[in-house]
Structure formats: C-alpha cells, structure tokens
Amino acid sequence: MWLLFWGLMFVATHIPMRSHGVPWLKHADKVVHFLMFFTLTWIGGRRVRASTGMMAGGALVGWGVVYAGYALLDEWLQPWVGRQMTLGDWIADASGIVVASIVLFLCRQKPTLSEPPPSDTQ
C-alpha cells in the first residue's frame, strides 16, 4: 500500500495542470501537498512498525530525510511537465512529513490493545 500510494503521488504531481484563475485555489494546493506527504509518512511509518515491531526515532528521521529529498526532486521535475516548482509547495511537503513523524513518534509510546500492559512486579 505504501509503495502504491507513493507511485500514485508521483503520477498526480506530474499531470499538467491549468490555472483556473480562482484566487483561493492558488494556495489550496498547499493543503494537498501537506496531506499527501503526511499520508506517505504515516503509511511508511506504520509499515516499518509492522515489520520491525517498533518505531525508533532514528528511523523516523532517516525516512523523513528520504521523503524530504523526494519532495525536493518532485518539485524540481514539475516544470518539465508544465507545472510550477515552488518553495511553498516543498515547505508544505516538509511540514506534512514533520507532523506525521511527530505523531508516529508519540504514538509509539502507547501500547496497542493486543499488547499486555507493563507489569509493576519485578
């Protein structure tokens, strides 16, 4: 699912778009950028946790760097398909990555329903 979503993101961000001239739509794409990279980071983080049984802070940082680098490459490639490369889009991408990473890091502390509660007896 993670790689499928990543592939769909690539396709979606490389389809030529026309400007519709609606002022409030000019910045609405920032929300879409944020949500796409939040979702990519979330799905990837859940995948790592499912395969390793844990979510280390180092893994979050490492994957965050990979996603941010991909976001930069994605922005750089967009002018080749008639879209605009903007710093604001990359900041929205990076913000989604950071917020998802923080949520994943905080959620790693909480046991799931299938995990027994910590024992106080030693």
PDB file of N, CA and C in Angstrom:
ATOM      1  N   MET A   1       0.825  -1.195   0.000  1.00  0.00           N
ATOM      2  CA  MET A   1       0.000   0.000   0.000  1.00  0.00           C
ATOM      3  C   MET A   1       0.872   1.263   0.000  1.00  0.00           C
ATOM      4  N   TRP A   2       1.969   1.200   0.765  1.00  0.00           N
ATOM      5  CA  TRP A   2       2.863   2.348   0.880  1.00  0.00           C
ATOM      6  C   TRP A   2       3.474   2.707  -0.479  1.00  0.00           C
ATOM      7  N   LEU A   3       4.008   1.707  -1.178  1.00  0.00           N
ATOM      8  CA  LEU A   3       4.617   1.983  -2.484  1.00  0.00           C
ATOM      9  C   LEU A   3       3.565   2.369  -3.519  1.00  0.00           C
ATOM     10  N   LEU A   4       2.397   1.779  -3.427  1.00  0.00           N
ATOM     11  CA  LEU A   4       1.305   2.141  -4.331  1.00  0.00           C
ATOM     12  C   LEU A   4       0.917   3.606  -4.135  1.00  0.00           C
ATOM     13  N   PHE A   5       0.772   4.027  -2.882  1.00  0.00           N
ATOM     14  CA  PHE A   5       0.437   5.420  -2.607  1.00  0.00           C
ATOM     15  C   PHE A   5       1.531   6.348  -3.122  1.00  0.00           C
ATOM     16  N   TRP A   6       2.779   5.981  -2.887  1.00  0.00           N
ATOM     17  CA  TRP A   6       3.907   6.797  -3.345  1.00  0.00           C
ATOM     18  C   TRP A   6       3.877   6.920  -4.870  1.00  0.00           C
ATOM     19  N   GLY A   7       3.608   5.829  -5.567  1.00  0.00           N
ATOM     20  CA  GLY A   7       3.517   5.867  -7.026  1.00  0.00           C
ATOM     21  C   GLY A   7       2.368   6.737  -7.507  1.00  0.00           C
ATOM     22  N   LEU A   8       1.221   6.627  -6.837  1.00  0.00           N
ATOM     23  CA  LEU A   8       0.077   7.473  -7.201  1.00  0.00           C
ATOM     24  C   LEU A   8       0.384   8.951  -6.962  1.00  0.00           C
ATOM     25  N   MET A   9       1.115   9.237  -5.890  1.00  0.00           N
ATOM     26  CA  MET A   9       1.536  10.625  -5.634  1.00  0.00           C
ATOM     27  C   MET A   9       2.389  11.147  -6.783  1.00  0.00           C
ATOM     28  N   PHE A  10       3.328  10.325  -7.229  1.00  0.00           N
ATOM     29  CA  PHE A  10       4.205  10.741  -8.321  1.00  0.00           C
ATOM     30  C   PHE A  10       3.387  11.060  -9.562  1.00  0.00           C
ATOM     31  N   VAL A  11       2.460  10.186  -9.901  1.00  0.00           N
ATOM     32  CA  VAL A  11       1.619  10.409 -11.081  1.00  0.00           C
ATOM     33  C   VAL A  11       0.799  11.687 -10.912  1.00  0.00           C
ATOM     34  N   ALA A  12       0.181  11.844  -9.743  1.00  0.00           N
ATOM     35  CA  ALA A  12      -0.683  13.008  -9.500  1.00  0.00           C
ATOM     36  C   ALA A  12       0.083  14.324  -9.582  1.00  0.00           C
ATOM     37  N   THR A  13       1.328  14.327  -9.132  1.00  0.00           N
ATOM     38  CA  THR A  13       2.091  15.581  -9.144  1.00  0.00           C
ATOM     39  C   THR A  13       2.785  15.842 -10.475  1.00  0.00           C
ATOM     40  N   HIS A  14       2.620  14.933 -11.431  1.00  0.00           N
ATOM     41  CA  HIS A  14       3.244  15.141 -12.745  1.00  0.00           C
ATOM     42  C   HIS A  14       2.240  15.184 -13.883  1.00  0.00           C
ATOM     43  N   ILE A  15       0.982  15.402 -13.535  1.00  0.00           N
ATOM     44  CA  ILE A  15      -0.047  15.630 -14.541  1.00  0.00           C
ATOM     45  C   ILE A  15      -0.105  17.134 -14.783  1.00  0.00           C
ATOM     46  N   PRO A  16       0.052  17.571 -16.037  1.00  0.00           N
ATOM     47  CA  PRO A  16      -0.012  19.020 -16.298  1.00  0.00           C
ATOM     48  C   PRO A  16      -1.338  19.608 -15.813  1.00  0.00           C
ATOM     49  N   MET A  17      -1.268  20.788 -15.199  1.00  0.00           N
ATOM     50  CA  MET A  17      -2.467  21.439 -14.675  1.00  0.00           C
ATOM     51  C   MET A  17      -2.599  22.823 -15.269  1.00  0.00           C
ATOM     52  N   ARG A  18      -3.845  23.229 -15.427  1.00  0.00           N
ATOM     53  CA  ARG A  18      -4.114  24.588 -15.876  1.00  0.00           C
ATOM     54  C   ARG A  18      -4.533  25.424 -14.681  1.00  0.00           C
ATOM     55  N   SER A  19      -4.158  26.666 -14.685  1.00  0.00           N
ATOM     56  CA  SER A  19      -4.611  27.590 -13.647  1.00  0.00           C
ATOM     57  C   SER A  19      -6.048  27.992 -13.949  1.00  0.00           C
ATOM     58  N   HIS A  20      -6.880  27.941 -12.926  1.00  0.00           N
ATOM     59  CA  HIS A  20      -8.289  28.282 -13.118  1.00  0.00           C
ATOM     60  C   HIS A  20      -8.588  29.739 -12.773  1.00  0.00           C
ATOM     61  N   GLY A  21      -7.600  30.464 -12.297  1.00  0.00           N
ATOM     62  CA  GLY A  21      -7.779  31.873 -12.010  1.00  0.00           C
ATOM     63  C   GLY A  21      -8.626  32.162 -10.777  1.00  0.00           C
ATOM     64  N   VAL A  22      -8.920  31.155  -9.973  1.00  0.00           N
ATOM     65  CA  VAL A  22      -9.681  31.366  -8.747  1.00  0.00           C
ATOM     66  C   VAL A  22      -8.684  31.655  -7.631  1.00  0.00           C
ATOM     67  N   PRO A  23      -8.724  32.880  -7.040  1.00  0.00           N
ATOM     68  CA  PRO A  23      -7.682  33.276  -6.088  1.00  0.00           C
ATOM     69  C   PRO A  23      -7.500  32.318  -4.907  1.00  0.00           C
ATOM     70  N   TRP A  24      -8.577  31.835  -4.300  1.00  0.00           N
ATOM     71  CA  TRP A  24      -8.399  30.990  -3.115  1.00  0.00           C
ATOM     72  C   TRP A  24      -7.855  29.609  -3.469  1.00  0.00           C
ATOM     73  N   LEU A  25      -7.997  29.182  -4.733  1.00  0.00           N
ATOM     74  CA  LEU A  25      -7.426  27.908  -5.149  1.00  0.00           C
ATOM     75  C   LEU A  25      -5.912  27.980  -5.320  1.00  0.00           C
ATOM     76  N   LYS A  26      -5.405  29.200  -5.438  1.00  0.00           N
ATOM     77  CA  LYS A  26      -3.970  29.380  -5.648  1.00  0.00           C
ATOM     78  C   LYS A  26      -3.155  28.760  -4.513  1.00  0.00           C
ATOM     79  N   HIS A  27      -3.671  28.831  -3.287  1.00  0.00           N
ATOM     80  CA  HIS A  27      -2.932  28.305  -2.140  1.00  0.00           C
ATOM     81  C   HIS A  27      -3.543  27.024  -1.586  1.00  0.00           C
ATOM     82  N   ALA A  28      -4.661  26.578  -2.125  1.00  0.00           N
ATOM     83  CA  ALA A  28      -5.297  25.351  -1.646  1.00  0.00           C
ATOM     84  C   ALA A  28      -4.417  24.130  -1.899  1.00  0.00           C
ATOM     85  N   ASP A  29      -3.554  24.213  -2.889  1.00  0.00           N
ATOM     86  CA  ASP A  29      -2.692  23.069  -3.166  1.00  0.00           C
ATOM     87  C   ASP A  29      -1.703  22.806  -2.036  1.00  0.00           C
ATOM     88  N   LYS A  30      -1.447  23.802  -1.207  1.00  0.00           N
ATOM     89  CA  LYS A  30      -0.534  23.597  -0.064  1.00  0.00           C
ATOM     90  C   LYS A  30      -1.132  22.570   0.893  1.00  0.00           C
ATOM     91  N   VAL A  31      -2.442  22.620   1.080  1.00  0.00           N
ATOM     92  CA  VAL A  31      -3.121  21.644   1.939  1.00  0.00           C
ATOM     93  C   VAL A  31      -2.982  20.252   1.333  1.00  0.00           C
ATOM     94  N   VAL A  32      -3.134  20.154   0.025  1.00  0.00           N
ATOM     95  CA  VAL A  32      -2.999  18.866  -0.656  1.00  0.00           C
ATOM     96  C   VAL A  32      -1.573  18.347  -0.507  1.00  0.00           C
ATOM     97  N   HIS A  33      -0.585  19.208  -0.691  1.00  0.00           N
ATOM     98  CA  HIS A  33       0.821  18.802  -0.516  1.00  0.00           C
ATOM     99  C   HIS A  33       1.046  18.291   0.906  1.00  0.00           C
ATOM    100  N   PHE A  34       0.571  19.048   1.889  1.00  0.00           N
ATOM    101  CA  PHE A  34       0.717  18.647   3.291  1.00  0.00           C
ATOM    102  C   PHE A  34       0.094  17.265   3.514  1.00  0.00           C
ATOM    103  N   LEU A  35      -1.136  17.087   3.062  1.00  0.00           N
ATOM    104  CA  LEU A  35      -1.857  15.830   3.294  1.00  0.00           C
ATOM    105  C   LEU A  35      -1.209  14.650   2.573  1.00  0.00           C
ATOM    106  N   MET A  36      -0.709  14.869   1.356  1.00  0.00           N
ATOM    107  CA  MET A  36      -0.056  13.778   0.629  1.00  0.00           C
ATOM    108  C   MET A  36       1.189  13.291   1.363  1.00  0.00           C
ATOM    109  N   PHE A  37       2.026  14.222   1.802  1.00  0.00           N
ATOM    110  CA  PHE A  37       3.264  13.810   2.460  1.00  0.00           C
ATOM    111  C   PHE A  37       3.036  13.361   3.898  1.00  0.00           C
ATOM    112  N   PHE A  38       2.009  13.888   4.559  1.00  0.00           N
ATOM    113  CA  PHE A  38       1.616  13.365   5.869  1.00  0.00           C
ATOM    114  C   PHE A  38       1.212  11.908   5.717  1.00  0.00           C
ATOM    115  N   THR A  39       0.372  11.625   4.717  1.00  0.00           N
ATOM    116  CA  THR A  39      -0.123  10.269   4.495  1.00  0.00           C
ATOM    117  C   THR A  39       1.011   9.322   4.107  1.00  0.00           C
ATOM    118  N   LEU A  40       1.897   9.761   3.214  1.00  0.00           N
ATOM    119  CA  LEU A  40       3.036   8.937   2.818  1.00  0.00           C
ATOM    120  C   LEU A  40       3.884   8.574   4.037  1.00  0.00           C
ATOM    121  N   THR A  41       4.167   9.563   4.873  1.00  0.00           N
ATOM    122  CA  THR A  41       4.981   9.337   6.069  1.00  0.00           C
ATOM    123  C   THR A  41       4.253   8.431   7.052  1.00  0.00           C
ATOM    124  N   TRP A  42       2.953   8.652   7.223  1.00  0.00           N
ATOM    125  CA  TRP A  42       2.153   7.840   8.148  1.00  0.00           C
ATOM    126  C   TRP A  42       2.119   6.369   7.707  1.00  0.00           C
ATOM    127  N   ILE A  43       1.804   6.151   6.423  1.00  0.00           N
ATOM    128  CA  ILE A  43       1.736   4.776   5.921  1.00  0.00           C
ATOM    129  C   ILE A  43       3.107   4.108   6.021  1.00  0.00           C
ATOM    130  N   GLY A  44       4.150   4.840   5.637  1.00  0.00           N
ATOM    131  CA  GLY A  44       5.503   4.288   5.722  1.00  0.00           C
ATOM    132  C   GLY A  44       5.903   3.967   7.151  1.00  0.00           C
ATOM    133  N   GLY A  45       5.573   4.838   8.078  1.00  0.00           N
ATOM    134  CA  GLY A  45       5.889   4.605   9.487  1.00  0.00           C
ATOM    135  C   GLY A  45       5.149   3.410  10.053  1.00  0.00           C
ATOM    136  N   ARG A  46       3.894   3.275   9.690  1.00  0.00           N
ATOM    137  CA  ARG A  46       3.108   2.119  10.148  1.00  0.00           C
ATOM    138  C   ARG A  46       3.665   0.826   9.547  1.00  0.00           C
ATOM    139  N   ARG A  47       4.146   0.920   8.313  1.00  0.00           N
ATOM    140  CA  ARG A  47       4.743  -0.254   7.665  1.00  0.00           C
ATOM    141  C   ARG A  47       6.018  -0.675   8.385  1.00  0.00           C
ATOM    142  N   VAL A  48       6.864   0.287   8.725  1.00  0.00           N
ATOM    143  CA  VAL A  48       8.103  -0.021   9.445  1.00  0.00           C
ATOM    144  C   VAL A  48       7.769  -0.637  10.800  1.00  0.00           C
ATOM    145  N   ARG A  49       6.799  -0.068  11.487  1.00  0.00           N
ATOM    146  CA  ARG A  49       6.432  -0.605  12.800  1.00  0.00           C
ATOM    147  C   ARG A  49       5.884  -2.027  12.677  1.00  0.00           C
ATOM    148  N   ALA A  50       5.090  -2.275  11.654  1.00  0.00           N
ATOM    149  CA  ALA A  50       4.523  -3.613  11.463  1.00  0.00           C
ATOM    150  C   ALA A  50       5.606  -4.639  11.152  1.00  0.00           C
ATOM    151  N   SER A  51       6.628  -4.241  10.401  1.00  0.00           N
ATOM    152  CA  SER A  51       7.662  -5.199  10.011  1.00  0.00           C
ATOM    153  C   SER A  51       8.728  -5.396  11.079  1.00  0.00           C
ATOM    154  N   THR A  52       8.970  -4.373  11.910  1.00  0.00           N
ATOM    155  CA  THR A  52      10.022  -4.491  12.925  1.00  0.00           C
ATOM    156  C   THR A  52       9.474  -4.596  14.336  1.00  0.00           C
ATOM    157  N   GLY A  53       8.198  -4.256  14.522  1.00  0.00           N
ATOM    158  CA  GLY A  53       7.610  -4.303  15.850  1.00  0.00           C
ATOM    159  C   GLY A  53       7.906  -3.063  16.683  1.00  0.00           C
ATOM    160  N   MET A  54       8.605  -2.111  16.108  1.00  0.00           N
ATOM    161  CA  MET A  54       8.913  -0.887  16.854  1.00  0.00           C
ATOM    162  C   MET A  54       9.086   0.283  15.902  1.00  0.00           C
ATOM    163  N   MET A  55       9.130   1.466  16.463  1.00  0.00           N
ATOM    164  CA  MET A  55       9.347   2.673  15.668  1.00  0.00           C
ATOM    165  C   MET A  55      10.417   3.487  16.378  1.00  0.00           C
ATOM    166  N   ALA A  56      11.633   3.371  15.916  1.00  0.00           N
ATOM    167  CA  ALA A  56      12.744   4.102  16.509  1.00  0.00           C
ATOM    168  C   ALA A  56      12.791   5.523  15.964  1.00  0.00           C
ATOM    169  N   GLY A  57      13.209   6.445  16.817  1.00  0.00           N
ATOM    170  CA  GLY A  57      13.327   7.839  16.403  1.00  0.00           C
ATOM    171  C   GLY A  57      14.276   8.007  15.229  1.00  0.00           C
ATOM    172  N   GLY A  58      15.343   7.214  15.207  1.00  0.00           N
ATOM    173  CA  GLY A  58      16.308   7.292  14.108  1.00  0.00           C
ATOM    174  C   GLY A  58      15.691   6.904  12.777  1.00  0.00           C
ATOM    175  N   ALA A  59      14.802   5.912  12.806  1.00  0.00           N
ATOM    176  CA  ALA A  59      14.125   5.500  11.577  1.00  0.00           C
ATOM    177  C   ALA A  59      13.216   6.606  11.076  1.00  0.00           C
ATOM    178  N   LEU A  60      12.541   7.281  11.996  1.00  0.00           N
ATOM    179  CA  LEU A  60      11.670   8.398  11.605  1.00  0.00           C
ATOM    180  C   LEU A  60      12.476   9.508  10.956  1.00  0.00           C
ATOM    181  N   VAL A  61      13.606   9.826  11.544  1.00  0.00           N
ATOM    182  CA  VAL A  61      14.453  10.892  10.989  1.00  0.00           C
ATOM    183  C   VAL A  61      15.003  10.463   9.629  1.00  0.00           C
ATOM    184  N   GLY A  62      15.477   9.238   9.536  1.00  0.00           N
ATOM    185  CA  GLY A  62      16.031   8.744   8.270  1.00  0.00           C
ATOM    186  C   GLY A  62      15.011   8.771   7.147  1.00  0.00           C
ATOM    187  N   TRP A  63      13.816   8.237   7.424  1.00  0.00           N
ATOM    188  CA  TRP A  63      12.773   8.247   6.398  1.00  0.00           C
ATOM    189  C   TRP A  63      12.296   9.666   6.125  1.00  0.00           C
ATOM    190  N   GLY A  64      12.286  10.515   7.134  1.00  0.00           N
ATOM    191  CA  GLY A  64      11.915  11.917   6.923  1.00  0.00           C
ATOM    192  C   GLY A  64      12.849  12.598   5.935  1.00  0.00           C
ATOM    193  N   VAL A  65      14.143  12.311   6.055  1.00  0.00           N
ATOM    194  CA  VAL A  65      15.129  12.872   5.121  1.00  0.00           C
ATOM    195  C   VAL A  65      14.890  12.331   3.716  1.00  0.00           C
ATOM    196  N   VAL A  66      14.590  11.036   3.604  1.00  0.00           N
ATOM    197  CA  VAL A  66      14.307  10.441   2.298  1.00  0.00           C
ATOM    198  C   VAL A  66      13.083  11.109   1.672  1.00  0.00           C
ATOM    199  N   TYR A  67      12.009  11.249   2.454  1.00  0.00           N
ATOM    200  CA  TYR A  67      10.785  11.864   1.928  1.00  0.00           C
ATOM    201  C   TYR A  67      11.010  13.329   1.550  1.00  0.00           C
ATOM    202  N   ALA A  68      11.756  14.064   2.371  1.00  0.00           N
ATOM    203  CA  ALA A  68      12.025  15.475   2.060  1.00  0.00           C
ATOM    204  C   ALA A  68      12.871  15.590   0.793  1.00  0.00           C
ATOM    205  N   GLY A  69      13.830  14.687   0.624  1.00  0.00           N
ATOM    206  CA  GLY A  69      14.630  14.671  -0.599  1.00  0.00           C
ATOM    207  C   GLY A  69      13.779  14.339  -1.811  1.00  0.00           C
ATOM    208  N   TYR A  70      12.881  13.379  -1.646  1.00  0.00           N
ATOM    209  CA  TYR A  70      11.968  13.049  -2.742  1.00  0.00           C
ATOM    210  C   TYR A  70      11.083  14.249  -3.078  1.00  0.00           C
ATOM    211  N   ALA A  71      10.582  14.940  -2.041  1.00  0.00           N
ATOM    212  CA  ALA A  71       9.724  16.112  -2.268  1.00  0.00           C
ATOM    213  C   ALA A  71      10.479  17.179  -3.065  1.00  0.00           C
ATOM    214  N   LEU A  72      11.752  17.356  -2.753  1.00  0.00           N
ATOM    215  CA  LEU A  72      12.582  18.315  -3.488  1.00  0.00           C
ATOM    216  C   LEU A  72      12.742  17.876  -4.948  1.00  0.00           C
ATOM    217  N   LEU A  73      13.030  16.603  -5.153  1.00  0.00           N
ATOM    218  CA  LEU A  73      13.144  16.075  -6.514  1.00  0.00           C
ATOM    219  C   LEU A  73      11.825  16.216  -7.265  1.00  0.00           C
ATOM    220  N   ASP A  74      10.733  15.929  -6.588  1.00  0.00           N
ATOM    221  CA  ASP A  74       9.405  16.038  -7.183  1.00  0.00           C
ATOM    222  C   ASP A  74       9.135  17.471  -7.645  1.00  0.00           C
ATOM    223  N   GLU A  75       9.458  18.435  -6.819  1.00  0.00           N
ATOM    224  CA  GLU A  75       9.274  19.843  -7.194  1.00  0.00           C
ATOM    225  C   GLU A  75      10.179  20.210  -8.369  1.00  0.00           C
ATOM    226  N   TRP A  76      11.391  19.717  -8.364  1.00  0.00           N
ATOM    227  CA  TRP A  76      12.351  20.040  -9.421  1.00  0.00           C
ATOM    228  C   TRP A  76      11.888  19.477 -10.764  1.00  0.00           C
ATOM    229  N   LEU A  77      11.225  18.323 -10.757  1.00  0.00           N
ATOM    230  CA  LEU A  77      10.769  17.703 -12.004  1.00  0.00           C
ATOM    231  C   LEU A  77       9.492  18.326 -12.564  1.00  0.00           C
ATOM    232  N   GLN A  78       8.718  19.002 -11.750  1.00  0.00           N
ATOM    233  CA  GLN A  78       7.421  19.504 -12.194  1.00  0.00           C
ATOM    234  C   GLN A  78       7.463  20.485 -13.367  1.00  0.00           C
ATOM    235  N   PRO A  79       8.440  21.384 -13.454  1.00  0.00           N
ATOM    236  CA  PRO A  79       8.458  22.272 -14.626  1.00  0.00           C
ATOM    237  C   PRO A  79       8.583  21.517 -15.958  1.00  0.00           C
ATOM    238  N   TRP A  80       9.094  20.310 -15.934  1.00  0.00           N
ATOM    239  CA  TRP A  80       9.251  19.524 -17.152  1.00  0.00           C
ATOM    240  C   TRP A  80       7.905  19.054 -17.689  1.00  0.00           C
ATOM    241  N   VAL A  81       6.853  19.110 -16.844  1.00  0.00           N
ATOM    242  CA  VAL A  81       5.516  18.700 -17.291  1.00  0.00           C
ATOM    243  C   VAL A  81       4.543  19.877 -17.254  1.00  0.00           C
ATOM    244  N   GLY A  82       5.083  21.088 -17.282  1.00  0.00           N
ATOM    245  CA  GLY A  82       4.242  22.278 -17.349  1.00  0.00           C
ATOM    246  C   GLY A  82       3.673  22.740 -16.019  1.00  0.00           C
ATOM    247  N   ARG A  83       4.239  22.286 -14.919  1.00  0.00           N
ATOM    248  CA  ARG A  83       3.799  22.738 -13.597  1.00  0.00           C
ATOM    249  C   ARG A  83       4.872  23.630 -13.001  1.00  0.00           C
ATOM    250  N   GLN A  84       4.532  24.293 -11.903  1.00  0.00           N
ATOM    251  CA  GLN A  84       5.482  25.218 -11.282  1.00  0.00           C
ATOM    252  C   GLN A  84       6.193  24.579 -10.099  1.00  0.00           C
ATOM    253  N   MET A  85       7.474  24.857  -9.993  1.00  0.00           N
ATOM    254  CA  MET A  85       8.271  24.451  -8.854  1.00  0.00           C
ATOM    255  C   MET A  85       8.237  25.615  -7.853  1.00  0.00           C
ATOM    256  N   THR A  86       7.750  25.355  -6.625  1.00  0.00           N
ATOM    257  CA  THR A  86       7.699  26.436  -5.652  1.00  0.00           C
ATOM    258  C   THR A  86       8.253  25.981  -4.310  1.00  0.00           C
ATOM    259  N   LEU A  87       8.887  26.914  -3.631  1.00  0.00           N
ATOM    260  CA  LEU A  87       9.383  26.668  -2.288  1.00  0.00           C
ATOM    261  C   LEU A  87       8.220  26.408  -1.333  1.00  0.00           C
ATOM    262  N   GLY A  88       7.115  27.105  -1.526  1.00  0.00           N
ATOM    263  CA  GLY A  88       5.945  26.927  -0.668  1.00  0.00           C
ATOM    264  C   GLY A  88       5.399  25.506  -0.720  1.00  0.00           C
ATOM    265  N   ASP A  89       5.407  24.900  -1.897  1.00  0.00           N
ATOM    266  CA  ASP A  89       4.960  23.508  -2.018  1.00  0.00           C
ATOM    267  C   ASP A  89       5.883  22.581  -1.236  1.00  0.00           C
ATOM    268  N   TRP A  90       7.194  22.805  -1.361  1.00  0.00           N
ATOM    269  CA  TRP A  90       8.139  21.961  -0.645  1.00  0.00           C
ATOM    270  C   TRP A  90       8.002  22.153   0.868  1.00  0.00           C
ATOM    271  N   ILE A  91       7.766  23.372   1.308  1.00  0.00           N
ATOM    272  CA  ILE A  91       7.563  23.620   2.751  1.00  0.00           C
ATOM    273  C   ILE A  91       6.306  22.890   3.229  1.00  0.00           C
ATOM    274  N   ALA A  92       5.253  22.895   2.429  1.00  0.00           N
ATOM    275  CA  ALA A  92       4.037  22.157   2.788  1.00  0.00           C
ATOM    276  C   ALA A  92       4.325  20.657   2.848  1.00  0.00           C
ATOM    277  N   ASP A  93       5.110  20.148   1.896  1.00  0.00           N
ATOM    278  CA  ASP A  93       5.505  18.736   1.904  1.00  0.00           C
ATOM    279  C   ASP A  93       6.277  18.416   3.183  1.00  0.00           C
ATOM    280  N   ALA A  94       7.287  19.228   3.469  1.00  0.00           N
ATOM    281  CA  ALA A  94       8.127  19.001   4.652  1.00  0.00           C
ATOM    282  C   ALA A  94       7.317  19.113   5.940  1.00  0.00           C
ATOM    283  N   SER A  95       6.362  20.018   5.970  1.00  0.00           N
ATOM    284  CA  SER A  95       5.511  20.157   7.159  1.00  0.00           C
ATOM    285  C   SER A  95       4.687  18.895   7.386  1.00  0.00           C
ATOM    286  N   GLY A  96       4.149  18.328   6.331  1.00  0.00           N
ATOM    287  CA  GLY A  96       3.403  17.079   6.450  1.00  0.00           C
ATOM    288  C   GLY A  96       4.282  15.952   6.967  1.00  0.00           C
ATOM    289  N   ILE A  97       5.519  15.903   6.491  1.00  0.00           N
ATOM    290  CA  ILE A  97       6.475  14.881   6.939  1.00  0.00           C
ATOM    291  C   ILE A  97       6.782  15.053   8.421  1.00  0.00           C
ATOM    292  N   VAL A  98       7.048  16.277   8.837  1.00  0.00           N
ATOM    293  CA  VAL A  98       7.395  16.547  10.235  1.00  0.00           C
ATOM    294  C   VAL A  98       6.223  16.240  11.165  1.00  0.00           C
ATOM    295  N   VAL A  99       5.037  16.700  10.819  1.00  0.00           N
ATOM    296  CA  VAL A  99       3.871  16.470  11.680  1.00  0.00           C
ATOM    297  C   VAL A  99       3.572  14.975  11.789  1.00  0.00           C
ATOM    298  N   ALA A 100       3.595  14.252  10.673  1.00  0.00           N
ATOM    299  CA  ALA A 100       3.343  12.807  10.718  1.00  0.00           C
ATOM    300  C   ALA A 100       4.412  12.095  11.539  1.00  0.00           C
ATOM    301  N   SER A 101       5.669  12.524  11.406  1.00  0.00           N
ATOM    302  CA  SER A 101       6.753  11.906  12.173  1.00  0.00           C
ATOM    303  C   SER A 101       6.572  12.135  13.667  1.00  0.00           C
ATOM    304  N   ILE A 102       6.150  13.326  14.039  1.00  0.00           N
ATOM    305  CA  ILE A 102       5.909  13.615  15.458  1.00  0.00           C
ATOM    306  C   ILE A 102       4.771  12.753  15.985  1.00  0.00           C
ATOM    307  N   VAL A 103       3.691  12.652  15.231  1.00  0.00           N
ATOM    308  CA  VAL A 103       2.550  11.827  15.658  1.00  0.00           C
ATOM    309  C   VAL A 103       2.975  10.364  15.779  1.00  0.00           C
ATOM    310  N   LEU A 104       3.718   9.868  14.798  1.00  0.00           N
ATOM    311  CA  LEU A 104       4.201   8.481  14.862  1.00  0.00           C
ATOM    312  C   LEU A 104       5.097   8.269  16.068  1.00  0.00           C
ATOM    313  N   PHE A 105       5.969   9.220  16.352  1.00  0.00           N
ATOM    314  CA  PHE A 105       6.876   9.101  17.490  1.00  0.00           C
ATOM    315  C   PHE A 105       6.095   9.077  18.802  1.00  0.00           C
ATOM    316  N   LEU A 106       5.118   9.961  18.922  1.00  0.00           N
ATOM    317  CA  LEU A 106       4.315  10.000  20.146  1.00  0.00           C
ATOM    318  C   LEU A 106       3.456   8.748  20.291  1.00  0.00           C
ATOM    319  N   CYS A 107       2.943   8.228  19.199  1.00  0.00           N
ATOM    320  CA  CYS A 107       2.100   7.029  19.244  1.00  0.00           C
ATOM    321  C   CYS A 107       2.893   5.772  19.549  1.00  0.00           C
ATOM    322  N   ARG A 108       4.182   5.795  19.323  1.00  0.00           N
ATOM    323  CA  ARG A 108       4.987   4.593  19.571  1.00  0.00           C
ATOM    324  C   ARG A 108       5.065   4.273  21.049  1.00  0.00           C
ATOM    325  N   GLN A 109       4.819   5.270  21.896  1.00  0.00           N
ATOM    326  CA  GLN A 109       4.893   5.083  23.341  1.00  0.00           C
ATOM    327  C   GLN A 109       3.686   4.343  23.891  1.00  0.00           C
ATOM    328  N   LYS A 110       2.564   4.409  23.197  1.00  0.00           N
ATOM    329  CA  LYS A 110       1.316   3.839  23.696  1.00  0.00           C
ATOM    330  C   LYS A 110       1.179   2.388  23.260  1.00  0.00           C
ATOM    331  N   PRO A 111       0.904   1.469  24.211  1.00  0.00           N
ATOM    332  CA  PRO A 111       0.694   0.086  23.805  1.00  0.00           C
ATOM    333  C   PRO A 111      -0.630  -0.055  23.061  1.00  0.00           C
ATOM    334  N   THR A 112      -0.668  -0.976  22.138  1.00  0.00           N
ATOM    335  CA  THR A 112      -1.920  -1.240  21.430  1.00  0.00           C
ATOM    336  C   THR A 112      -2.764  -2.189  22.264  1.00  0.00           C
ATOM    337  N   LEU A 113      -3.997  -2.437  21.849  1.00  0.00           N
ATOM    338  CA  LEU A 113      -4.889  -3.319  22.592  1.00  0.00           C
ATOM    339  C   LEU A 113      -4.351  -4.750  22.660  1.00  0.00           C
ATOM    340  N   SER A 114      -3.563  -5.161  21.684  1.00  0.00           N
ATOM    341  CA  SER A 114      -3.037  -6.525  21.665  1.00  0.00           C
ATOM    342  C   SER A 114      -1.807  -6.693  22.556  1.00  0.00           C
ATOM    343  N   GLU A 115      -1.213  -5.582  22.996  1.00  0.00           N
ATOM    344  CA  GLU A 115      -0.041  -5.659  23.851  1.00  0.00           C
ATOM    345  C   GLU A 115      -0.481  -5.654  25.313  1.00  0.00           C
ATOM    346  N   PRO A 116       0.140  -6.519  26.135  1.00  0.00           N
ATOM    347  CA  PRO A 116      -0.234  -6.507  27.563  1.00  0.00           C
ATOM    348  C   PRO A 116       0.286  -5.240  28.229  1.00  0.00           C
ATOM    349  N   PRO A 117      -0.392  -4.785  29.285  1.00  0.00           N
ATOM    350  CA  PRO A 117       0.091  -3.593  29.993  1.00  0.00           C
ATOM    351  C   PRO A 117       1.404  -3.910  30.699  1.00  0.00           C
ATOM    352  N   PRO A 118       2.229  -2.891  30.945  1.00  0.00           N
ATOM    353  CA  PRO A 118       3.512  -3.142  31.625  1.00  0.00           C
ATOM    354  C   PRO A 118       3.263  -3.668  33.025  1.00  0.00           C
ATOM    355  N   SER A 119       4.107  -4.590  33.448  1.00  0.00           N
ATOM    356  CA  SER A 119       3.981  -5.204  34.765  1.00  0.00           C
ATOM    357  C   SER A 119       4.765  -4.388  35.788  1.00  0.00           C
ATOM    358  N   ASP A 120       4.157  -4.184  36.970  1.00  0.00           N
ATOM    359  CA  ASP A 120       4.842  -3.450  38.033  1.00  0.00           C
ATOM    360  C   ASP A 120       5.644  -4.374  38.932  1.00  0.00           C
ATOM    361  N   THR A 121       5.449  -5.656  38.812  1.00  0.00           N
ATOM    362  CA  THR A 121       6.178  -6.594  39.669  1.00  0.00           C
ATOM    363  C   THR A 121       7.466  -7.016  38.999  1.00  0.00           C
ATOM    364  N   GLN A 122       8.498  -7.076  39.734  1.00  0.00           N
ATOM    365  CA  GLN A 122       9.804  -7.471  39.222  1.00  0.00           C
ATOM    366  C   GLN A 122      10.407  -8.540  40.083  1.00  0.00           C
TER     367      GLN A 122
END
